[in-house]
PDB file of N, CA and C in Angstrom:
ATOM      1  N   MET A   1     -11.982   8.220  10.327  1.00  0.00           N
ATOM      2  CA  MET A   1     -11.879   6.700   9.325  1.00  0.00           C
ATOM      3  C   MET A   1     -12.849   5.799  10.819  1.00  0.00           C
ATOM      4  N   ARG A   2     -13.582   4.694  10.021  1.00  0.00           N
ATOM      5  CA  ARG A   2     -14.467   3.952  10.960  1.00  0.00           C
ATOM      6  C   ARG A   2     -13.440   2.792  11.091  1.00  0.00           C
ATOM      7  N   ALA A   3     -13.330   2.409  12.514  1.00  0.00           N
ATOM      8  CA  ALA A   3     -12.587   1.027  12.721  1.00  0.00           C
ATOM      9  C   ALA A   3     -13.388  -0.407  12.135  1.00  0.00           C
ATOM     10  N   TYR A   4     -12.219  -1.161  11.813  1.00  0.00           N
ATOM     11  CA  TYR A   4     -12.886  -2.546  11.332  1.00  0.00           C
ATOM     12  C   TYR A   4     -13.510  -3.299  12.641  1.00  0.00           C
ATOM     13  N   ARG A   5     -14.501  -4.255  12.285  1.00  0.00           N
ATOM     14  CA  ARG A   5     -14.817  -4.879  13.525  1.00  0.00           C
ATOM     15  C   ARG A   5     -14.135  -6.245  13.582  1.00  0.00           C
ATOM     16  N   PRO A   6     -13.270  -6.615  14.686  1.00  0.00           N
ATOM     17  CA  PRO A   6     -12.855  -8.127  14.302  1.00  0.00           C
ATOM     18  C   PRO A   6     -13.678  -9.292  14.928  1.00  0.00           C
ATOM     19  N   ILE A   7     -13.878 -10.091  14.257  1.00  0.00           N
ATOM     20  CA  ILE A   7     -14.369 -11.397  14.032  1.00  0.00           C
ATOM     21  C   ILE A   7     -13.563 -12.647  14.568  1.00  0.00           C
ATOM     22  N   ILE A   8     -14.113 -12.962  15.748  1.00  0.00           N
ATOM     23  CA  ILE A   8     -13.057 -14.211  16.243  1.00  0.00           C
ATOM     24  C   ILE A   8     -14.276 -15.500  16.331  1.00  0.00           C
ATOM     25  N   SER A   9     -13.300 -16.477  15.958  1.00  0.00           N
ATOM     26  CA  SER A   9     -14.300 -17.623  16.332  1.00  0.00           C
ATOM     27  C   SER A   9     -14.178 -18.412  17.318  1.00  0.00           C
ATOM     28  N   PRO A  10     -15.075 -19.378  18.058  1.00  0.00           N
ATOM     29  CA  PRO A  10     -14.777 -19.696  19.293  1.00  0.00           C
ATOM     30  C   PRO A  10     -13.859 -20.590  19.495  1.00  0.00           C
ATOM     31  N   GLN A  11     -13.211 -21.451  18.750  1.00  0.00           N
ATOM     32  CA  GLN A  11     -11.706 -22.037  18.611  1.00  0.00           C
ATOM     33  C   GLN A  11     -10.557 -20.961  18.745  1.00  0.00           C
ATOM     34  N   VAL A  12     -10.718 -19.664  18.309  1.00  0.00           N
ATOM     35  CA  VAL A  12      -9.759 -18.726  18.604  1.00  0.00           C
ATOM     36  C   VAL A  12      -9.680 -18.131  19.634  1.00  0.00           C
ATOM     37  N   ALA A  13     -10.928 -17.803  20.177  1.00  0.00           N
ATOM     38  CA  ALA A  13     -11.267 -17.256  21.250  1.00  0.00           C
ATOM     39  C   ALA A  13     -10.694 -18.008  22.367  1.00  0.00           C
ATOM     40  N   GLU A  14     -10.926 -19.574  22.443  1.00  0.00           N
ATOM     41  CA  GLU A  14     -10.568 -20.052  23.416  1.00  0.00           C
ATOM     42  C   GLU A  14      -8.969 -20.450  23.563  1.00  0.00           C
ATOM     43  N   ARG A  15      -8.229 -20.394  22.330  1.00  0.00           N
ATOM     44  CA  ARG A  15      -6.984 -20.321  22.495  1.00  0.00           C
ATOM     45  C   ARG A  15      -6.586 -19.137  23.110  1.00  0.00           C
ATOM     46  N   ILE A  16      -6.759 -17.945  22.747  1.00  0.00           N
ATOM     47  CA  ILE A  16      -6.550 -16.776  23.486  1.00  0.00           C
ATOM     48  C   ILE A  16      -6.844 -16.864  24.992  1.00  0.00           C
ATOM     49  N   ARG A  17      -7.898 -17.213  25.333  1.00  0.00           N
ATOM     50  CA  ARG A  17      -7.949 -17.519  26.673  1.00  0.00           C
ATOM     51  C   ARG A  17      -6.707 -18.244  27.593  1.00  0.00           C
ATOM     52  N   GLN A  18      -6.394 -19.156  26.514  1.00  0.00           N
ATOM     53  CA  GLN A  18      -5.244 -20.149  27.590  1.00  0.00           C
ATOM     54  C   GLN A  18      -4.329 -19.847  27.652  1.00  0.00           C
ATOM     55  N   LEU A  19      -3.705 -18.478  26.751  1.00  0.00           N
ATOM     56  CA  LEU A  19      -2.464 -18.119  26.907  1.00  0.00           C
ATOM     57  C   LEU A  19      -1.823 -17.202  28.251  1.00  0.00           C
ATOM     58  N   PRO A  20      -1.033 -17.164  28.444  1.00  0.00           N
ATOM     59  CA  PRO A  20      -0.245 -16.388  29.674  1.00  0.00           C
ATOM     60  C   PRO A  20      -0.949 -15.227  29.596  1.00  0.00           C
ATOM     61  N   PRO A  21      -1.090 -14.711  30.816  1.00  0.00           N
ATOM     62  CA  PRO A  21      -1.643 -13.089  31.053  1.00  0.00           C
ATOM     63  C   PRO A  21      -0.766 -12.020  30.348  1.00  0.00           C
ATOM     64  N   ASP A  22       0.426 -12.495  30.111  1.00  0.00           N
ATOM     65  CA  ASP A  22       0.976 -11.212  29.499  1.00  0.00           C
ATOM     66  C   ASP A  22       0.696 -11.339  27.886  1.00  0.00           C
ATOM     67  N   LEU A  23       0.932 -12.318  27.619  1.00  0.00           N
ATOM     68  CA  LEU A  23       0.962 -12.856  26.293  1.00  0.00           C
ATOM     69  C   LEU A  23      -0.768 -12.361  25.622  1.00  0.00           C
ATOM     70  N   LYS A  24      -1.719 -12.509  26.342  1.00  0.00           N
ATOM     71  CA  LYS A  24      -2.738 -12.737  26.316  1.00  0.00           C
ATOM     72  C   LYS A  24      -3.116 -11.164  26.023  1.00  0.00           C
ATOM     73  N   ARG A  25      -2.718 -10.524  27.026  1.00  0.00           N
ATOM     74  CA  ARG A  25      -2.703  -8.902  26.848  1.00  0.00           C
ATOM     75  C   ARG A  25      -2.194  -8.186  25.647  1.00  0.00           C
ATOM     76  N   GLY A  26      -1.183  -8.772  25.126  1.00  0.00           N
ATOM     77  CA  GLY A  26      -0.364  -8.332  23.820  1.00  0.00           C
ATOM     78  C   GLY A  26      -1.336  -8.636  22.821  1.00  0.00           C
ATOM     79  N   VAL A  27      -1.978  -9.991  22.768  1.00  0.00           N
ATOM     80  CA  VAL A  27      -2.685 -10.525  21.466  1.00  0.00           C
ATOM     81  C   VAL A  27      -3.991  -9.303  21.657  1.00  0.00           C
ATOM     82  N   ARG A  28      -4.659  -9.213  22.719  1.00  0.00           N
ATOM     83  CA  ARG A  28      -5.642  -8.242  22.634  1.00  0.00           C
ATOM     84  C   ARG A  28      -5.380  -7.119  22.171  1.00  0.00           C
ATOM     85  N   GLU A  29      -4.572  -6.491  22.692  1.00  0.00           N
ATOM     86  CA  GLU A  29      -3.716  -5.032  22.044  1.00  0.00           C
ATOM     87  C   GLU A  29      -3.576  -5.150  20.290  1.00  0.00           C
ATOM     88  N   ALA A  30      -2.881  -6.284  20.234  1.00  0.00           N
ATOM     89  CA  ALA A  30      -2.579  -6.258  18.668  1.00  0.00           C
ATOM     90  C   ALA A  30      -4.023  -6.511  18.121  1.00  0.00           C
ATOM     91  N   ILE A  31      -4.979  -6.906  18.236  1.00  0.00           N
ATOM     92  CA  ILE A  31      -6.228  -7.218  17.554  1.00  0.00           C
ATOM     93  C   ILE A  31      -6.779  -6.085  17.628  1.00  0.00           C
ATOM     94  N   ARG A  32      -7.235  -4.960  18.654  1.00  0.00           N
ATOM     95  CA  ARG A  32      -7.208  -3.649  18.605  1.00  0.00           C
ATOM     96  C   ARG A  32      -6.549  -2.739  17.489  1.00  0.00           C
ATOM     97  N   ALA A  33      -4.896  -2.843  17.571  1.00  0.00           N
ATOM     98  CA  ALA A  33      -4.641  -2.359  16.401  1.00  0.00           C
ATOM     99  C   ALA A  33      -5.092  -2.723  14.855  1.00  0.00           C
ATOM    100  N   ILE A  34      -4.987  -4.033  14.945  1.00  0.00           N
ATOM    101  CA  ILE A  34      -5.347  -4.766  13.763  1.00  0.00           C
ATOM    102  C   ILE A  34      -6.789  -4.104  13.324  1.00  0.00           C
ATOM    103  N   GLY A  35      -7.980  -3.763  13.959  1.00  0.00           N
ATOM    104  CA  GLY A  35      -9.374  -3.204  13.962  1.00  0.00           C
ATOM    105  C   GLY A  35      -8.930  -1.688  13.246  1.00  0.00           C
ATOM    106  N   LEU A  36      -8.175  -1.069  13.992  1.00  0.00           N
ATOM    107  CA  LEU A  36      -8.164   0.014  13.965  1.00  0.00           C
ATOM    108  C   LEU A  36      -7.277   0.508  12.237  1.00  0.00           C
ATOM    109  N   ASP A  37      -6.150  -0.329  11.866  1.00  0.00           N
ATOM    110  CA  ASP A  37      -5.337  -0.231  10.704  1.00  0.00           C
ATOM    111  C   ASP A  37      -5.236  -1.749  10.119  1.00  0.00           C
ATOM    112  N   PRO A  38      -6.182  -2.616   9.455  1.00  0.00           N
ATOM    113  CA  PRO A  38      -6.092  -3.749   9.054  1.00  0.00           C
ATOM    114  C   PRO A  38      -4.899  -3.954   8.274  1.00  0.00           C
ATOM    115  N   GLY A  39      -4.229  -3.192   7.473  1.00  0.00           N
ATOM    116  CA  GLY A  39      -3.091  -2.907   6.802  1.00  0.00           C
ATOM    117  C   GLY A  39      -1.865  -2.828   7.500  1.00  0.00           C
ATOM    118  N   CYS A  40      -1.696  -3.341   8.623  1.00  0.00           N
ATOM    119  CA  CYS A  40      -0.392  -3.124   9.470  1.00  0.00           C
ATOM    120  C   CYS A  40      -0.049  -4.149   9.533  1.00  0.00           C
ATOM    121  N   GLY A  41      -0.398  -5.423   9.490  1.00  0.00           N
ATOM    122  CA  GLY A  41       0.195  -6.684   9.283  1.00  0.00           C
ATOM    123  C   GLY A  41       1.024  -6.874   7.941  1.00  0.00           C
ATOM    124  N   GLU A  42       1.554  -8.085   7.958  1.00  0.00           N
ATOM    125  CA  GLU A  42       2.380  -8.501   6.564  1.00  0.00           C
ATOM    126  C   GLU A  42       1.573  -9.272   5.678  1.00  0.00           C
ATOM    127  N   PRO A  43       1.678  -9.102   4.350  1.00  0.00           N
ATOM    128  CA  PRO A  43       0.696 -10.228   3.566  1.00  0.00           C
ATOM    129  C   PRO A  43       1.658 -11.489   3.714  1.00  0.00           C
ATOM    130  N   LEU A  44       0.798 -12.607   3.461  1.00  0.00           N
ATOM    131  CA  LEU A  44       1.595 -14.156   3.617  1.00  0.00           C
ATOM    132  C   LEU A  44       1.529 -14.527   2.372  1.00  0.00           C
ATOM    133  N   LYS A  45       2.362 -15.605   1.759  1.00  0.00           N
ATOM    134  CA  LYS A  45       2.703 -15.807   0.436  1.00  0.00           C
ATOM    135  C   LYS A  45       1.982 -17.020   0.526  1.00  0.00           C
ATOM    136  N   ARG A  46       2.170 -17.882  -1.012  1.00  0.00           N
ATOM    137  CA  ARG A  46       1.804 -18.740  -1.853  1.00  0.00           C
ATOM    138  C   ARG A  46       0.216 -18.949  -1.356  1.00  0.00           C
ATOM    139  N   GLU A  47      -0.105 -20.163  -0.975  1.00  0.00           N
ATOM    140  CA  GLU A  47      -1.478 -20.358  -0.442  1.00  0.00           C
ATOM    141  C   GLU A  47      -2.299 -19.771   0.511  1.00  0.00           C
ATOM    142  N   LEU A  48      -1.438 -19.019   1.420  1.00  0.00           N
ATOM    143  CA  LEU A  48      -2.148 -18.101   2.281  1.00  0.00           C
ATOM    144  C   LEU A  48      -1.997 -16.428   1.688  1.00  0.00           C
ATOM    145  N   GLN A  49      -1.800 -16.534   0.308  1.00  0.00           N
ATOM    146  CA  GLN A  49      -1.691 -15.130  -0.109  1.00  0.00           C
ATOM    147  C   GLN A  49      -2.920 -14.115   0.396  1.00  0.00           C
ATOM    148  N   ASP A  50      -4.269 -14.690   0.462  1.00  0.00           N
ATOM    149  CA  ASP A  50      -5.382 -13.891   0.950  1.00  0.00           C
ATOM    150  C   ASP A  50      -5.240 -13.270   2.662  1.00  0.00           C
ATOM    151  N   TYR A  51      -4.272 -13.843   3.074  1.00  0.00           N
ATOM    152  CA  TYR A  51      -4.254 -13.718   4.578  1.00  0.00           C
ATOM    153  C   TYR A  51      -3.114 -12.407   5.161  1.00  0.00           C
ATOM    154  N   LEU A  52      -3.061 -12.069   6.122  1.00  0.00           N
ATOM    155  CA  LEU A  52      -2.038 -11.162   6.395  1.00  0.00           C
ATOM    156  C   LEU A  52      -1.848 -11.787   7.958  1.00  0.00           C
ATOM    157  N   LYS A  53      -0.528 -11.404   8.429  1.00  0.00           N
ATOM    158  CA  LYS A  53      -0.092 -11.686   9.752  1.00  0.00           C
ATOM    159  C   LYS A  53       0.514 -10.581  10.495  1.00  0.00           C
ATOM    160  N   TYR A  54       0.442 -11.046  11.994  1.00  0.00           N
ATOM    161  CA  TYR A  54       0.521  -9.584  12.913  1.00  0.00           C
ATOM    162  C   TYR A  54       1.557 -10.531  13.946  1.00  0.00           C
ATOM    163  N   ARG A  55       2.703  -9.558  14.235  1.00  0.00           N
ATOM    164  CA  ARG A  55       3.741 -10.473  15.193  1.00  0.00           C
ATOM    165  C   ARG A  55       3.325  -9.860  16.817  1.00  0.00           C
ATOM    166  N   VAL A  56       3.270 -10.793  17.563  1.00  0.00           N
ATOM    167  CA  VAL A  56       3.115 -10.526  18.712  1.00  0.00           C
ATOM    168  C   VAL A  56       4.221 -11.458  19.784  1.00  0.00           C
ATOM    169  N   ARG A  57       5.375 -10.879  19.918  1.00  0.00           N
ATOM    170  CA  ARG A  57       6.602 -11.739  20.031  1.00  0.00           C
ATOM    171  C   ARG A  57       6.725 -12.994  19.542  1.00  0.00           C
ATOM    172  N   ARG A  58       6.952 -14.163  19.836  1.00  0.00           N
ATOM    173  CA  ARG A  58       6.703 -15.434  18.858  1.00  0.00           C
ATOM    174  C   ARG A  58       5.616 -16.026  18.491  1.00  0.00           C
ATOM    175  N   PHE A  59       4.548 -15.219  18.778  1.00  0.00           N
ATOM    176  CA  PHE A  59       3.263 -15.738  18.495  1.00  0.00           C
ATOM    177  C   PHE A  59       2.751 -14.695  17.373  1.00  0.00           C
ATOM    178  N   ARG A  60       1.575 -15.397  16.268  1.00  0.00           N
ATOM    179  CA  ARG A  60       1.328 -14.769  15.151  1.00  0.00           C
ATOM    180  C   ARG A  60       0.070 -14.799  15.313  1.00  0.00           C
ATOM    181  N   ILE A  61      -0.791 -13.814  14.594  1.00  0.00           N
ATOM    182  CA  ILE A  61      -2.129 -13.671  14.456  1.00  0.00           C
ATOM    183  C   ILE A  61      -2.174 -13.422  12.981  1.00  0.00           C
ATOM    184  N   VAL A  62      -2.907 -14.541  12.391  1.00  0.00           N
ATOM    185  CA  VAL A  62      -3.404 -14.709  11.376  1.00  0.00           C
ATOM    186  C   VAL A  62      -4.869 -14.172  10.787  1.00  0.00           C
ATOM    187  N   TYR A  63      -4.741 -13.059   9.865  1.00  0.00           N
ATOM    188  CA  TYR A  63      -6.383 -12.645   9.750  1.00  0.00           C
ATOM    189  C   TYR A  63      -6.544 -12.359   8.154  1.00  0.00           C
ATOM    190  N   ARG A  64      -7.924 -12.091   7.943  1.00  0.00           N
ATOM    191  CA  ARG A  64      -8.300 -11.745   6.582  1.00  0.00           C
ATOM    192  C   ARG A  64      -9.053 -10.487   6.796  1.00  0.00           C
ATOM    193  N   VAL A  65      -9.133  -9.546   5.432  1.00  0.00           N
ATOM    194  CA  VAL A  65      -9.529  -8.324   5.783  1.00  0.00           C
ATOM    195  C   VAL A  65     -10.885  -8.410   4.979  1.00  0.00           C
ATOM    196  N   ASP A  66     -12.325  -8.056   4.999  1.00  0.00           N
ATOM    197  CA  ASP A  66     -12.952  -7.857   4.143  1.00  0.00           C
ATOM    198  C   ASP A  66     -13.440  -6.362   4.422  1.00  0.00           C
ATOM    199  N   ARG A  67     -12.854  -5.601   3.445  1.00  0.00           N
ATOM    200  CA  ARG A  67     -13.084  -4.208   3.161  1.00  0.00           C
ATOM    201  C   ARG A  67     -14.403  -3.785   3.106  1.00  0.00           C
ATOM    202  N   ALA A  68     -15.235  -4.535   2.238  1.00  0.00           N
ATOM    203  CA  ALA A  68     -16.588  -4.138   1.720  1.00  0.00           C
ATOM    204  C   ALA A  68     -17.304  -4.197   3.136  1.00  0.00           C
ATOM    205  N   SER A  69     -17.466  -5.199   4.130  1.00  0.00           N
ATOM    206  CA  SER A  69     -18.149  -5.038   5.163  1.00  0.00           C
ATOM    207  C   SER A  69     -17.448  -4.441   6.462  1.00  0.00           C
ATOM    208  N   LYS A  70     -16.320  -4.069   6.330  1.00  0.00           N
ATOM    209  CA  LYS A  70     -15.457  -3.366   7.259  1.00  0.00           C
ATOM    210  C   LYS A  70     -15.318  -4.428   8.710  1.00  0.00           C
ATOM    211  N   MET A  71     -14.736  -5.366   8.208  1.00  0.00           N
ATOM    212  CA  MET A  71     -14.611  -6.603   9.025  1.00  0.00           C
ATOM    213  C   MET A  71     -13.383  -7.139   8.808  1.00  0.00           C
ATOM    214  N   VAL A  72     -12.691  -7.887   9.959  1.00  0.00           N
ATOM    215  CA  VAL A  72     -11.359  -8.546   9.873  1.00  0.00           C
ATOM    216  C   VAL A  72     -11.672  -9.876  10.561  1.00  0.00           C
ATOM    217  N   ALA A  73     -11.606 -11.013  10.242  1.00  0.00           N
ATOM    218  CA  ALA A  73     -11.945 -11.949  10.545  1.00  0.00           C
ATOM    219  C   ALA A  73     -10.354 -12.892  10.918  1.00  0.00           C
ATOM    220  N   ILE A  74     -10.467 -12.832  12.306  1.00  0.00           N
ATOM    221  CA  ILE A  74      -9.115 -13.486  13.044  1.00  0.00           C
ATOM    222  C   ILE A  74      -9.214 -14.931  12.521  1.00  0.00           C
ATOM    223  N   VAL A  75      -8.367 -15.219  12.199  1.00  0.00           N
ATOM    224  CA  VAL A  75      -8.080 -16.925  11.667  1.00  0.00           C
ATOM    225  C   VAL A  75      -7.589 -17.902  12.541  1.00  0.00           C
ATOM    226  N   ALA A  76      -6.431 -17.295  13.052  1.00  0.00           N
ATOM    227  CA  ALA A  76      -5.659 -18.320  13.867  1.00  0.00           C
ATOM    228  C   ALA A  76      -4.512 -17.602  14.837  1.00  0.00           C
ATOM    229  N   VAL A  77      -4.489 -18.139  16.080  1.00  0.00           N
ATOM    230  CA  VAL A  77      -3.573 -17.213  17.064  1.00  0.00           C
ATOM    231  C   VAL A  77      -2.520 -18.250  17.425  1.00  0.00           C
ATOM    232  N   GLY A  78      -1.451 -18.120  17.213  1.00  0.00           N
ATOM    233  CA  GLY A  78      -0.598 -19.631  17.525  1.00  0.00           C
ATOM    234  C   GLY A  78       0.921 -19.187  17.302  1.00  0.00           C
ATOM    235  N   HIS A  79       1.782 -20.168  18.217  1.00  0.00           N
ATOM    236  CA  HIS A  79       3.283 -19.804  17.809  1.00  0.00           C
ATOM    237  C   HIS A  79       3.873 -19.685  16.562  1.00  0.00           C
ATOM    238  N   ARG A  80       4.585 -18.998  16.045  1.00  0.00           N
ATOM    239  CA  ARG A  80       5.233 -18.943  14.684  1.00  0.00           C
ATOM    240  C   ARG A  80       5.899 -20.445  14.162  1.00  0.00           C
ATOM    241  N   ARG A  81       5.968 -21.213  14.851  1.00  0.00           N
ATOM    242  CA  ARG A  81       6.378 -22.392  14.620  1.00  0.00           C
ATOM    243  C   ARG A  81       5.682 -23.306  13.660  1.00  0.00           C
ATOM    244  N   ALA A  82       4.439 -23.269  14.189  1.00  0.00           N
ATOM    245  CA  ALA A  82       3.357 -24.272  13.809  1.00  0.00           C
ATOM    246  C   ALA A  82       2.022 -23.451  13.093  1.00  0.00           C
ATOM    247  N   ILE A  83       1.844 -22.154  13.314  1.00  0.00           N
ATOM    248  CA  ILE A  83       0.560 -21.556  12.939  1.00  0.00           C
ATOM    249  C   ILE A  83       0.282 -21.654  11.232  1.00  0.00           C
ATOM    250  N   TYR A  84       1.374 -21.333  10.732  1.00  0.00           N
ATOM    251  CA  TYR A  84       0.965 -21.140   9.256  1.00  0.00           C
ATOM    252  C   TYR A  84       0.709 -22.467   8.794  1.00  0.00           C
ATOM    253  N   GLU A  85       1.571 -23.653   8.911  1.00  0.00           N
ATOM    254  CA  GLU A  85       0.896 -25.193   8.472  1.00  0.00           C
ATOM    255  C   GLU A  85      -0.631 -25.277   8.831  1.00  0.00           C
ATOM    256  N   GLU A  86      -0.992 -25.005  10.416  1.00  0.00           N
ATOM    257  CA  GLU A  86      -2.223 -25.344  10.926  1.00  0.00           C
ATOM    258  C   GLU A  86      -3.152 -24.428   9.801  1.00  0.00           C
ATOM    259  N   VAL A  87      -2.903 -22.962   9.439  1.00  0.00           N
ATOM    260  CA  VAL A  87      -3.955 -22.363   8.768  1.00  0.00           C
ATOM    261  C   VAL A  87      -4.154 -23.009   7.327  1.00  0.00           C
ATOM    262  N   ALA A  88      -2.932 -23.366   6.774  1.00  0.00           N
ATOM    263  CA  ALA A  88      -2.716 -23.908   5.167  1.00  0.00           C
ATOM    264  C   ALA A  88      -3.791 -24.899   5.612  1.00  0.00           C
ATOM    265  N   ALA A  89      -3.816 -25.950   6.251  1.00  0.00           N
ATOM    266  CA  ALA A  89      -4.340 -27.390   6.472  1.00  0.00           C
ATOM    267  C   ALA A  89      -5.710 -26.966   6.578  1.00  0.00           C
ATOM    268  N   ALA A  90      -5.959 -25.816   7.048  1.00  0.00           N
ATOM    269  CA  ALA A  90      -7.501 -25.803   7.705  1.00  0.00           C
ATOM    270  C   ALA A  90      -8.329 -25.353   6.270  1.00  0.00           C
ATOM    271  N   ILE A  91      -7.381 -24.415   5.253  1.00  0.00           N
ATOM    272  CA  ILE A  91      -8.144 -23.880   4.128  1.00  0.00           C
ATOM    273  C   ILE A  91      -8.050 -24.780   2.912  1.00  0.00           C
ATOM    274  N   ARG A  92      -7.221 -25.659   2.993  1.00  0.00           N
ATOM    275  CA  ARG A  92      -7.226 -26.709   1.772  1.00  0.00           C
ATOM    276  C   ARG A  92      -8.320 -27.451   1.403  1.00  0.00           C
ATOM    277  N   PRO A  93      -9.055 -27.529   0.310  1.00  0.00           N
ATOM    278  CA  PRO A  93      -9.935 -28.472   0.045  1.00  0.00           C
ATOM    279  C   PRO A  93     -10.033 -29.809   0.566  1.00  0.00           C
ATOM    280  N   ARG A  94     -11.293 -30.172   1.094  1.00  0.00           N
ATOM    281  CA  ARG A  94     -11.392 -31.519   1.998  1.00  0.00           C
ATOM    282  C   ARG A  94     -10.658 -32.875   1.024  1.00  0.00           C
ATOM    283  N   SER A  95     -10.699 -32.767  -0.209  1.00  0.00           N
ATOM    284  CA  SER A  95     -10.086 -33.597  -1.144  1.00  0.00           C
ATOM    285  C   SER A  95      -8.521 -33.776  -1.022  1.00  0.00           C
ATOM    286  N   ARG A  96      -7.853 -32.669  -0.730  1.00  0.00           N
ATOM    287  CA  ARG A  96      -6.769 -32.544  -0.871  1.00  0.00           C
ATOM    288  C   ARG A  96      -5.859 -32.815   0.522  1.00  0.00           C
ATOM    289  N   ARG A  97      -6.614 -32.910   1.703  1.00  0.00           N
ATOM    290  CA  ARG A  97      -6.495 -33.194   2.950  1.00  0.00           C
ATOM    291  C   ARG A  97      -5.709 -34.682   3.311  1.00  0.00           C
ATOM    292  N   GLU A  98      -5.253 -34.781   4.141  1.00  0.00           N
ATOM    293  CA  GLU A  98      -4.530 -36.075   4.623  1.00  0.00           C
ATOM    294  C   GLU A  98      -5.898 -36.835   5.326  1.00  0.00           C
ATOM    295  N   PRO A  99      -6.107 -38.042   5.187  1.00  0.00           N
ATOM    296  CA  PRO A  99      -6.772 -39.136   5.694  1.00  0.00           C
ATOM    297  C   PRO A  99      -6.876 -38.786   7.123  1.00  0.00           C
ATOM    298  N   GLN A 100      -8.034 -38.873   8.082  1.00  0.00           N
ATOM    299  CA  GLN A 100      -8.292 -38.804   9.109  1.00  0.00           C
ATOM    300  C   GLN A 100      -7.656 -39.940  10.011  1.00  0.00           C
ATOM    301  N   ARG A 101      -6.738 -39.830  10.863  1.00  0.00           N
ATOM    302  CA  ARG A 101      -6.619 -41.133  11.935  1.00  0.00           C
ATOM    303  C   ARG A 101      -7.306 -41.386  12.702  1.00  0.00           C
ATOM    304  N   ARG A 102      -7.800 -42.674  13.168  1.00  0.00           N
ATOM    305  CA  ARG A 102      -8.467 -43.017  14.092  1.00  0.00           C
ATOM    306  C   ARG A 102      -8.046 -43.732  15.211  1.00  0.00           C
TER     307      ARG A 102
END
Protein backbone atom coordinates (compact mmCIF):
# COMPACT_ATOMS: atom_id res chain seq x y z
CA MET A 1 0.00 0.00 0.00
CA ARG A 2 1.38 3.38 -1.03
CA ALA A 3 1.44 6.09 1.63
CA TYR A 4 -0.56 9.28 1.26
CA ARG A 5 1.40 12.49 0.79
CA PRO A 6 0.76 15.10 3.50
CA ILE A 7 0.18 18.64 2.25
CA ILE A 8 0.87 21.29 4.90
CA SER A 9 0.08 24.96 4.29
CA PRO A 10 2.72 27.55 5.25
CA GLN A 11 0.48 28.83 8.09
CA VAL A 12 0.15 25.36 9.61
CA ALA A 13 3.87 24.68 9.16
CA GLU A 14 4.68 27.91 11.01
CA ARG A 15 2.35 26.97 13.84
CA ILE A 16 4.06 23.57 14.13
CA ARG A 17 7.49 25.27 14.20
CA GLN A 18 6.39 27.38 17.18
CA LEU A 19 5.38 24.40 19.32
CA PRO A 20 7.56 23.16 22.20
CA PRO A 21 10.09 20.52 21.01
CA ASP A 22 8.40 17.46 22.58
CA LEU A 23 4.96 18.44 21.25
CA LYS A 24 6.43 19.26 17.84
CA ARG A 25 7.96 15.78 17.72
CA GLY A 26 4.58 14.23 18.56
CA VAL A 27 2.81 16.25 15.86
CA ARG A 28 5.38 15.24 13.24
CA GLU A 29 5.04 11.57 14.21
CA ALA A 30 1.26 11.90 14.02
CA ILE A 31 1.45 13.41 10.53
CA ARG A 32 3.58 10.44 9.43
CA ALA A 33 1.01 8.05 10.93
CA ILE A 34 -1.83 9.86 9.15
CA GLY A 35 0.11 9.57 5.85
CA LEU A 36 0.41 5.82 6.31
CA ASP A 37 -3.22 5.33 7.37
CA PRO A 38 -5.50 8.34 6.76
CA GLY A 39 -8.43 6.53 8.33
CA CYS A 40 -6.74 6.46 11.74
CA GLY A 41 -8.35 9.75 12.82
CA GLU A 42 -11.88 10.31 14.06
CA PRO A 43 -14.45 11.89 11.74
CA LEU A 44 -15.77 15.29 12.77
CA LYS A 45 -19.45 16.26 12.79
CA ARG A 46 -21.81 18.95 11.52
CA GLU A 47 -20.17 21.56 9.32
CA LEU A 48 -16.80 19.79 9.67
CA GLN A 49 -18.11 16.41 8.52
CA ASP A 50 -15.63 16.23 5.61
CA TYR A 51 -12.69 16.41 8.03
CA LEU A 52 -10.99 14.10 10.49
CA LYS A 53 -9.11 14.78 13.72
CA TYR A 54 -6.08 13.13 15.25
CA ARG A 55 -5.19 13.61 18.90
CA VAL A 56 -1.72 14.53 20.12
CA ARG A 57 -2.08 15.09 23.86
CA ARG A 58 -4.24 18.23 24.20
CA PHE A 59 -3.64 19.28 20.61
CA ARG A 60 -5.57 18.22 17.54
CA ILE A 61 -4.57 17.81 13.92
CA VAL A 62 -7.50 18.48 11.60
CA TYR A 63 -7.12 17.05 8.12
CA ARG A 64 -8.94 16.11 4.94
CA VAL A 65 -8.26 13.05 2.78
CA ASP A 66 -8.19 13.11 -1.03
CA ARG A 67 -8.21 9.44 -1.95
CA ALA A 68 -8.12 10.04 -5.71
CA SER A 69 -4.77 11.86 -5.58
CA LYS A 70 -3.46 10.01 -2.49
CA MET A 71 -3.01 13.23 -0.52
CA VAL A 72 -3.83 14.30 3.03
CA ALA A 73 -4.32 18.05 3.52
CA ILE A 74 -3.36 19.09 7.05
CA VAL A 75 -5.84 21.92 7.60
CA ALA A 76 -4.99 22.99 11.15
CA VAL A 77 -3.00 22.13 14.26
CA GLY A 78 -3.98 23.62 17.58
CA HIS A 79 -5.21 23.22 21.13
CA ARG A 80 -8.46 21.32 21.44
CA ARG A 81 -10.12 24.28 23.16
CA ALA A 82 -10.18 26.48 20.04
CA ILE A 83 -9.18 24.48 16.97
CA TYR A 84 -12.65 23.44 15.82
CA GLU A 85 -14.00 27.00 15.91
CA GLU A 86 -10.96 28.19 13.96
CA VAL A 87 -11.45 25.56 11.26
CA ALA A 88 -15.21 26.14 11.05
CA ALA A 89 -14.66 29.89 10.68
CA ALA A 90 -12.07 29.32 7.96
CA ILE A 91 -14.33 27.12 5.82
CA ARG A 92 -17.54 29.15 6.14
CA PRO A 93 -18.57 31.07 3.03
CA ARG A 94 -17.37 34.68 3.10
CA SER A 95 -20.95 36.07 3.32
CA ARG A 96 -21.68 34.22 6.57
CA ARG A 97 -18.56 35.36 8.39
CA GLU A 98 -18.52 38.05 11.01
CA PRO A 99 -17.45 41.49 9.72
CA GLN A 100 -13.75 42.19 10.20
CA ARG A 101 -12.91 44.67 12.96
CA ARG A 102 -10.32 47.30 12.18
